[in-house]
Amino acid sequence: MKTNKVKGKKILPKVIKHTLLVILAIGMLYPVIWMVLSSFQNNIEIFDIKAVFPSKWLFENYRNGWFSVPRHSFMEFYRNSFLISSLIVIGTVISASLTAYPFARLRFPGKGLLFSLIIATLLLPGQILLIPRYLLFMRLHWGNSYLPLTVPAFFAQVSGAFSIYLMIQFMRGIPKELDEAALVDGCSYFRQFFRIIMPNCKPAIFTIGIFSFIWSWDDFLNQLIYINGIEKLTVSLALRTFSDNSAVVPWGQMFAMSVLSILPCAIIFACAQKYFVEGIVTTGLK
C-alpha cells in the first residue's frame, strides 16, 4: 500500500505538468492549425466562428493558389527564395567564421575594442540602416536585383553580430591545446582554421545556417524595398499579390500558399534539430 501511495505521489505531478504542457502547446499551435484548416475552406467559412472544420474540403485552393499569378507559378517564387536564402547562408557562415576565429583564438592590438563595437551593433535597430543602405545600393545600380540582399551576407552584415558572437563563444570552448599541437607540427593559422577549428564547429555552423535561412526566408521588408520585377518575386512577396484592393481576396488560396511557405523552414529545422540544439547548448562551455 505504501509503495502504491509513493508511486501515486510521483506520478501525479508529472501528469499535471504534462497536461499543462499539452494545453500550452495547443494554444501556441492554434494559429497554425487554424491556417491549415482555413486553406481548405471558402471565404464565408473562414470567418465563420462556428465553422471550425470545412464542410467541404476545397483541395483546389492549393492548385488555384499555385497558379494564381498570371504566366507565373509559385515554383518560380520558391526558386528565387531558395537562391537568396542559400547565398545568405553560405555568405553568413563564411564571413562569421572568418571573423570569429581571430577574436576567439588569437591575440592582437585593439581586440577588446573591436569586439565591443561588434556587440554594440546588436543594439542598433535595423530601421536606422535602411535609408543609408538603400542610397548606397542605388548608387551602385543594384536596384531590382538580389545583390543588396546577398552581398552583405559575405561581409557579415546579415545577422552578422549575432552569428559572430555565437561562433566566437563556440570556438572558445575548443581546447587550445589543439592549436599548440598544430603549431608544433608547423601548421599555419589558416590550416589550423580549416583543419582543426571548422571541423569542430559543426553544431555552431548548423545553428547559424538555420537562423540565417529562416530569417532570410521570412524577410519581407528588405525584399519589398529592392525587388520590383514580378519574375524576381520571392515567396514572401508573392503572398502579397493576393491582397488586391480592387478584387475579392481569395483567402483560402492565400492560406494554402502560406502553409506551403512554412514547410521549407519546418523541414530544415526538423532535419538539423540535433545540431541546432547542440550548438545552442554547448556554446560558451569549456
Protein backbone atom coordinates (compact mmCIF):
# COMPACT_ATOMS: atom_id res chain seq x y z
CA MET A 1 0.00 0.00 0.00
CA LYS A 2 2.77 2.41 0.93
CA THR A 3 4.53 1.67 -2.34
CA ASN A 4 1.37 2.48 -4.34
CA LYS A 5 0.95 5.75 -2.44
CA VAL A 6 4.54 6.72 -3.13
CA LYS A 7 4.14 5.92 -6.82
CA GLY A 8 0.89 7.91 -6.90
CA LYS A 9 2.59 10.94 -5.38
CA LYS A 10 5.36 10.75 -8.01
CA ILE A 11 3.03 10.24 -10.97
CA LEU A 12 0.52 12.99 -10.11
CA PRO A 13 2.95 15.95 -10.55
CA LYS A 14 4.12 14.51 -13.88
CA VAL A 15 0.52 14.17 -15.11
CA ILE A 16 -0.24 17.77 -14.12
CA LYS A 17 2.97 19.03 -15.73
CA HIS A 18 2.41 17.19 -19.00
CA THR A 19 -1.24 18.26 -19.10
CA LEU A 20 -0.24 21.91 -18.76
CA LEU A 21 2.43 21.48 -21.44
CA VAL A 22 -0.09 19.94 -23.84
CA ILE A 23 -2.53 22.80 -23.24
CA LEU A 24 0.20 25.40 -23.83
CA ALA A 25 1.35 23.56 -26.96
CA ILE A 26 -2.18 23.56 -28.37
CA GLY A 27 -2.50 27.26 -27.59
CA MET A 28 0.76 28.02 -29.40
CA LEU A 29 -0.10 25.83 -32.39
CA TYR A 30 -3.67 27.10 -32.71
CA PRO A 31 -2.83 29.82 -35.29
CA VAL A 32 -1.05 27.25 -37.44
CA ILE A 33 -3.90 24.75 -37.09
CA TRP A 34 -6.42 27.46 -37.97
CA MET A 35 -4.39 28.46 -41.04
CA VAL A 36 -4.17 24.85 -42.24
CA LEU A 37 -7.92 24.30 -41.83
CA SER A 38 -8.69 27.65 -43.48
CA SER A 39 -6.64 26.65 -46.51
CA PHE A 40 -9.40 24.10 -47.32
CA GLN A 41 -12.32 26.50 -46.80
CA ASN A 42 -14.04 29.24 -48.77
CA ASN A 43 -14.16 32.89 -47.72
CA ILE A 44 -17.50 32.55 -45.92
CA GLU A 45 -16.47 29.60 -43.73
CA ILE A 46 -13.07 31.07 -42.89
CA PHE A 47 -14.59 33.97 -40.98
CA ASP A 48 -17.48 31.98 -39.54
CA ILE A 49 -16.71 31.35 -35.87
CA LYS A 50 -18.90 28.24 -35.80
CA ALA A 51 -17.24 26.62 -38.83
CA VAL A 52 -14.12 25.13 -37.29
CA PHE A 53 -13.73 22.31 -39.81
CA PRO A 54 -14.51 22.71 -43.51
CA SER A 55 -17.94 21.50 -44.58
CA LYS A 56 -16.34 20.67 -47.91
CA TRP A 57 -12.60 20.24 -48.26
CA LEU A 58 -11.51 22.52 -51.10
CA PHE A 59 -8.24 20.95 -52.25
CA GLU A 60 -8.36 23.12 -55.36
CA ASN A 61 -7.28 26.08 -53.21
CA TYR A 62 -3.74 24.72 -53.44
CA ARG A 63 -3.89 24.25 -57.21
CA ASN A 64 -5.50 27.63 -57.87
CA GLY A 65 -3.18 29.38 -55.44
CA TRP A 66 -0.12 27.80 -57.04
CA PHE A 67 -1.05 29.35 -60.41
CA SER A 68 -2.72 32.49 -59.05
CA VAL A 69 -0.20 34.88 -60.67
CA PRO A 70 -0.78 35.08 -64.45
CA ARG A 71 2.03 33.49 -66.55
CA HIS A 72 3.90 32.57 -63.37
CA SER A 73 3.71 29.83 -60.77
CA PHE A 74 4.87 29.63 -57.19
CA MET A 75 7.63 27.28 -58.31
CA GLU A 76 9.46 30.32 -59.70
CA PHE A 77 8.99 32.21 -56.45
CA TYR A 78 10.24 29.22 -54.44
CA ARG A 79 13.30 29.01 -56.67
CA ASN A 80 14.01 32.71 -56.09
CA SER A 81 13.62 32.37 -52.33
CA PHE A 82 15.87 29.31 -52.20
CA LEU A 83 18.52 31.11 -54.24
CA ILE A 84 18.55 34.15 -51.94
CA SER A 85 18.42 32.12 -48.72
CA SER A 86 21.16 29.72 -49.86
CA LEU A 87 23.53 32.54 -50.79
CA ILE A 88 22.84 34.30 -47.49
CA VAL A 89 23.50 31.10 -45.52
CA ILE A 90 26.78 30.47 -47.35
CA GLY A 91 27.92 34.07 -47.00
CA THR A 92 26.97 34.30 -43.32
CA VAL A 93 28.74 31.06 -42.37
CA ILE A 94 31.92 32.03 -44.23
CA SER A 95 32.10 35.63 -43.00
CA ALA A 96 31.08 34.85 -39.40
CA SER A 97 33.61 32.01 -39.12
CA LEU A 98 36.50 34.02 -40.56
CA THR A 99 35.66 37.00 -38.33
CA ALA A 100 35.18 34.94 -35.18
CA TYR A 101 38.42 32.95 -35.47
CA PRO A 102 40.89 35.77 -34.60
CA PHE A 103 38.67 37.03 -31.78
CA ALA A 104 38.39 33.56 -30.25
CA ARG A 105 41.89 32.13 -30.79
CA LEU A 106 44.40 34.93 -31.49
CA ARG A 107 45.80 37.99 -29.74
CA PHE A 108 46.14 41.34 -31.49
CA PRO A 109 46.03 45.05 -30.55
CA GLY A 110 42.55 46.53 -30.12
CA LYS A 111 40.87 43.16 -29.85
CA GLY A 112 38.66 44.16 -26.92
CA LEU A 113 37.61 47.45 -28.52
CA LEU A 114 36.71 45.83 -31.85
CA PHE A 115 34.76 43.09 -30.11
CA SER A 116 32.82 45.71 -28.15
CA LEU A 117 31.98 47.55 -31.36
CA ILE A 118 30.69 44.35 -32.94
CA ILE A 119 28.47 43.63 -29.95
CA ALA A 120 27.30 47.26 -29.92
CA THR A 121 25.86 46.81 -33.41
CA LEU A 122 23.34 44.41 -31.88
CA LEU A 123 21.78 47.42 -30.15
CA LEU A 124 21.17 49.26 -33.43
CA PRO A 125 17.60 48.92 -34.76
CA GLY A 126 17.58 47.66 -38.31
CA GLN A 127 15.35 50.54 -39.42
CA ILE A 128 18.18 53.02 -38.81
CA LEU A 129 20.28 51.43 -41.56
CA LEU A 130 17.52 51.15 -44.17
CA ILE A 131 17.97 54.58 -45.75
CA PRO A 132 21.82 54.62 -45.83
CA ARG A 133 21.86 51.12 -47.30
CA TYR A 134 19.23 52.00 -49.87
CA LEU A 135 21.14 55.09 -51.02
CA LEU A 136 24.38 53.11 -51.22
CA PHE A 137 22.90 50.26 -53.23
CA MET A 138 21.09 52.61 -55.59
CA ARG A 139 24.35 54.40 -56.33
CA LEU A 140 25.85 51.03 -57.15
CA HIS A 141 22.90 50.42 -59.52
CA TRP A 142 21.82 47.30 -57.63
CA GLY A 143 18.11 48.11 -57.81
CA ASN A 144 15.68 45.29 -58.69
CA SER A 145 18.34 42.64 -58.10
CA TYR A 146 19.33 40.16 -55.41
CA LEU A 147 22.71 41.81 -54.80
CA PRO A 148 21.52 44.10 -51.93
CA LEU A 149 20.14 41.02 -50.17
CA THR A 150 23.00 38.56 -50.68
CA VAL A 151 26.27 40.51 -50.97
CA PRO A 152 26.13 41.98 -47.41
CA ALA A 153 26.00 38.43 -46.04
CA PHE A 154 29.54 37.78 -47.32
CA PHE A 155 30.68 40.75 -45.22
CA ALA A 156 28.90 39.65 -42.01
CA GLN A 157 26.13 42.20 -42.41
CA VAL A 158 23.07 39.93 -42.42
CA SER A 159 22.62 38.81 -38.78
CA GLY A 160 26.38 39.38 -38.61
CA ALA A 161 26.92 40.41 -34.99
CA PHE A 162 24.74 37.61 -33.64
CA SER A 163 26.42 34.97 -35.83
CA ILE A 164 29.90 36.24 -34.99
CA TYR A 165 29.18 36.26 -31.26
CA LEU A 166 27.73 32.73 -31.40
CA MET A 167 30.73 31.45 -33.33
CA ILE A 168 33.22 33.18 -31.01
CA GLN A 169 31.66 31.62 -27.94
CA PHE A 170 31.67 28.18 -29.52
CA MET A 171 35.29 28.45 -30.71
CA ARG A 172 36.38 29.46 -27.21
CA GLY A 173 35.11 26.11 -25.97
CA ILE A 174 37.53 24.20 -28.21
CA PRO A 175 40.70 23.24 -26.23
CA LYS A 176 43.63 25.49 -27.13
CA GLU A 177 45.97 22.55 -26.76
CA LEU A 178 44.91 21.59 -30.28
CA ASP A 179 46.25 24.90 -31.60
CA GLU A 180 49.51 24.48 -29.74
CA ALA A 181 49.98 20.95 -31.07
CA ALA A 182 49.26 22.19 -34.60
CA LEU A 183 51.83 24.98 -34.26
CA VAL A 184 54.43 22.47 -33.14
CA ASP A 185 53.66 20.43 -36.27
CA GLY A 186 54.18 23.53 -38.41
CA CYS A 187 50.54 24.37 -39.23
CA SER A 188 49.80 27.95 -40.19
CA TYR A 189 46.82 29.84 -38.82
CA PHE A 190 44.83 29.15 -41.96
CA ARG A 191 45.50 25.41 -41.75
CA GLN A 192 44.51 25.45 -38.08
CA PHE A 193 41.30 27.19 -39.03
CA PHE A 194 40.34 24.78 -41.80
CA ARG A 195 41.76 21.53 -40.36
CA ILE A 196 41.02 21.91 -36.62
CA ILE A 197 38.59 24.71 -35.80
CA MET A 198 35.97 24.34 -38.54
CA PRO A 199 35.52 20.55 -38.24
CA ASN A 200 34.83 21.02 -34.51
CA CYS A 201 32.34 23.84 -35.14
CA LYS A 202 29.70 21.84 -37.00
CA PRO A 203 26.95 22.41 -34.36
CA ALA A 204 27.56 26.18 -34.43
CA ILE A 205 27.66 26.20 -38.24
CA PHE A 206 24.33 24.37 -38.41
CA THR A 207 22.85 26.77 -35.85
CA ILE A 208 23.97 29.85 -37.77
CA GLY A 209 22.81 28.30 -41.04
CA ILE A 210 19.33 27.55 -39.68
CA PHE A 211 18.92 31.03 -38.22
CA SER A 212 20.15 32.68 -41.43
CA PHE A 213 17.89 30.57 -43.63
CA ILE A 214 14.76 31.21 -41.55
CA TRP A 215 15.43 34.95 -41.23
CA SER A 216 16.14 35.37 -44.93
CA TRP A 217 13.21 33.16 -45.98
CA ASP A 218 10.78 35.14 -43.82
CA ASP A 219 12.26 38.53 -44.70
CA PHE A 220 9.66 40.80 -46.27
CA LEU A 221 10.70 44.42 -45.80
CA ASN A 222 14.14 44.25 -47.41
CA GLN A 223 12.84 42.19 -50.31
CA LEU A 224 9.98 44.63 -50.80
CA ILE A 225 12.41 47.55 -50.98
CA TYR A 226 14.86 46.13 -53.52
CA ILE A 227 12.78 43.75 -55.68
CA ASN A 228 10.29 45.15 -58.19
CA GLY A 229 10.02 42.77 -61.15
CA ILE A 230 7.36 40.09 -60.84
CA GLU A 231 9.73 37.47 -62.26
CA LYS A 232 12.09 38.09 -59.31
CA LEU A 233 9.47 37.91 -56.56
CA THR A 234 10.11 35.66 -53.58
CA VAL A 235 7.51 33.62 -51.72
CA SER A 236 7.02 36.38 -49.13
CA LEU A 237 6.36 38.99 -51.81
CA ALA A 238 4.22 36.63 -53.89
CA LEU A 239 1.84 36.14 -50.95
CA ARG A 240 1.24 39.90 -51.01
CA THR A 241 -0.23 39.63 -54.53
CA PHE A 242 -3.34 38.00 -53.06
CA SER A 243 -4.20 41.25 -51.22
CA ASP A 244 -5.67 43.23 -54.11
CA ASN A 245 -7.97 46.05 -53.05
CA SER A 246 -9.70 46.05 -56.44
CA ALA A 247 -10.96 42.48 -56.09
CA VAL A 248 -12.17 39.95 -53.54
CA VAL A 249 -9.23 38.42 -51.67
CA PRO A 250 -9.12 34.61 -52.14
CA TRP A 251 -8.28 33.88 -48.53
CA GLY A 252 -8.35 30.11 -48.98
CA GLN A 253 -5.73 30.25 -51.72
CA MET A 254 -3.59 32.66 -49.75
CA PHE A 255 -3.67 30.44 -46.66
CA ALA A 256 -2.87 27.41 -48.84
CA MET A 257 0.27 29.10 -50.17
CA SER A 258 1.09 30.30 -46.64
CA VAL A 259 1.02 26.70 -45.43
CA LEU A 260 3.41 25.69 -48.21
CA SER A 261 5.66 28.66 -47.48
CA ILE A 262 6.41 27.48 -43.92
CA LEU A 263 7.22 23.90 -44.94
CA PRO A 264 10.87 24.50 -46.01
CA CYS A 265 11.77 26.10 -42.66
CA ALA A 266 9.95 23.39 -40.71
CA ILE A 267 11.63 20.58 -42.68
CA ILE A 268 15.12 22.08 -42.39
CA PHE A 269 14.71 22.66 -38.66
CA ALA A 270 13.41 19.11 -38.12
CA CYS A 271 16.30 17.56 -40.07
CA ALA A 272 19.00 19.67 -38.39
CA GLN A 273 17.41 19.90 -34.93
CA LYS A 274 20.08 17.71 -33.34
CA TYR A 275 22.92 20.03 -34.40
CA PHE A 276 20.84 23.13 -33.67
CA VAL A 277 20.18 22.15 -30.05
CA GLU A 278 23.78 21.02 -29.59
CA GLY A 279 25.07 24.32 -30.95
CA ILE A 280 22.89 26.36 -28.60
CA VAL A 281 23.52 24.23 -25.51
CA THR A 282 27.29 23.85 -25.88
CA THR A 283 28.01 27.45 -26.89
CA GLY A 284 30.32 29.06 -24.34
CA LEU A 285 31.09 25.82 -22.46
CA LYS A 286 34.73 24.96 -21.78
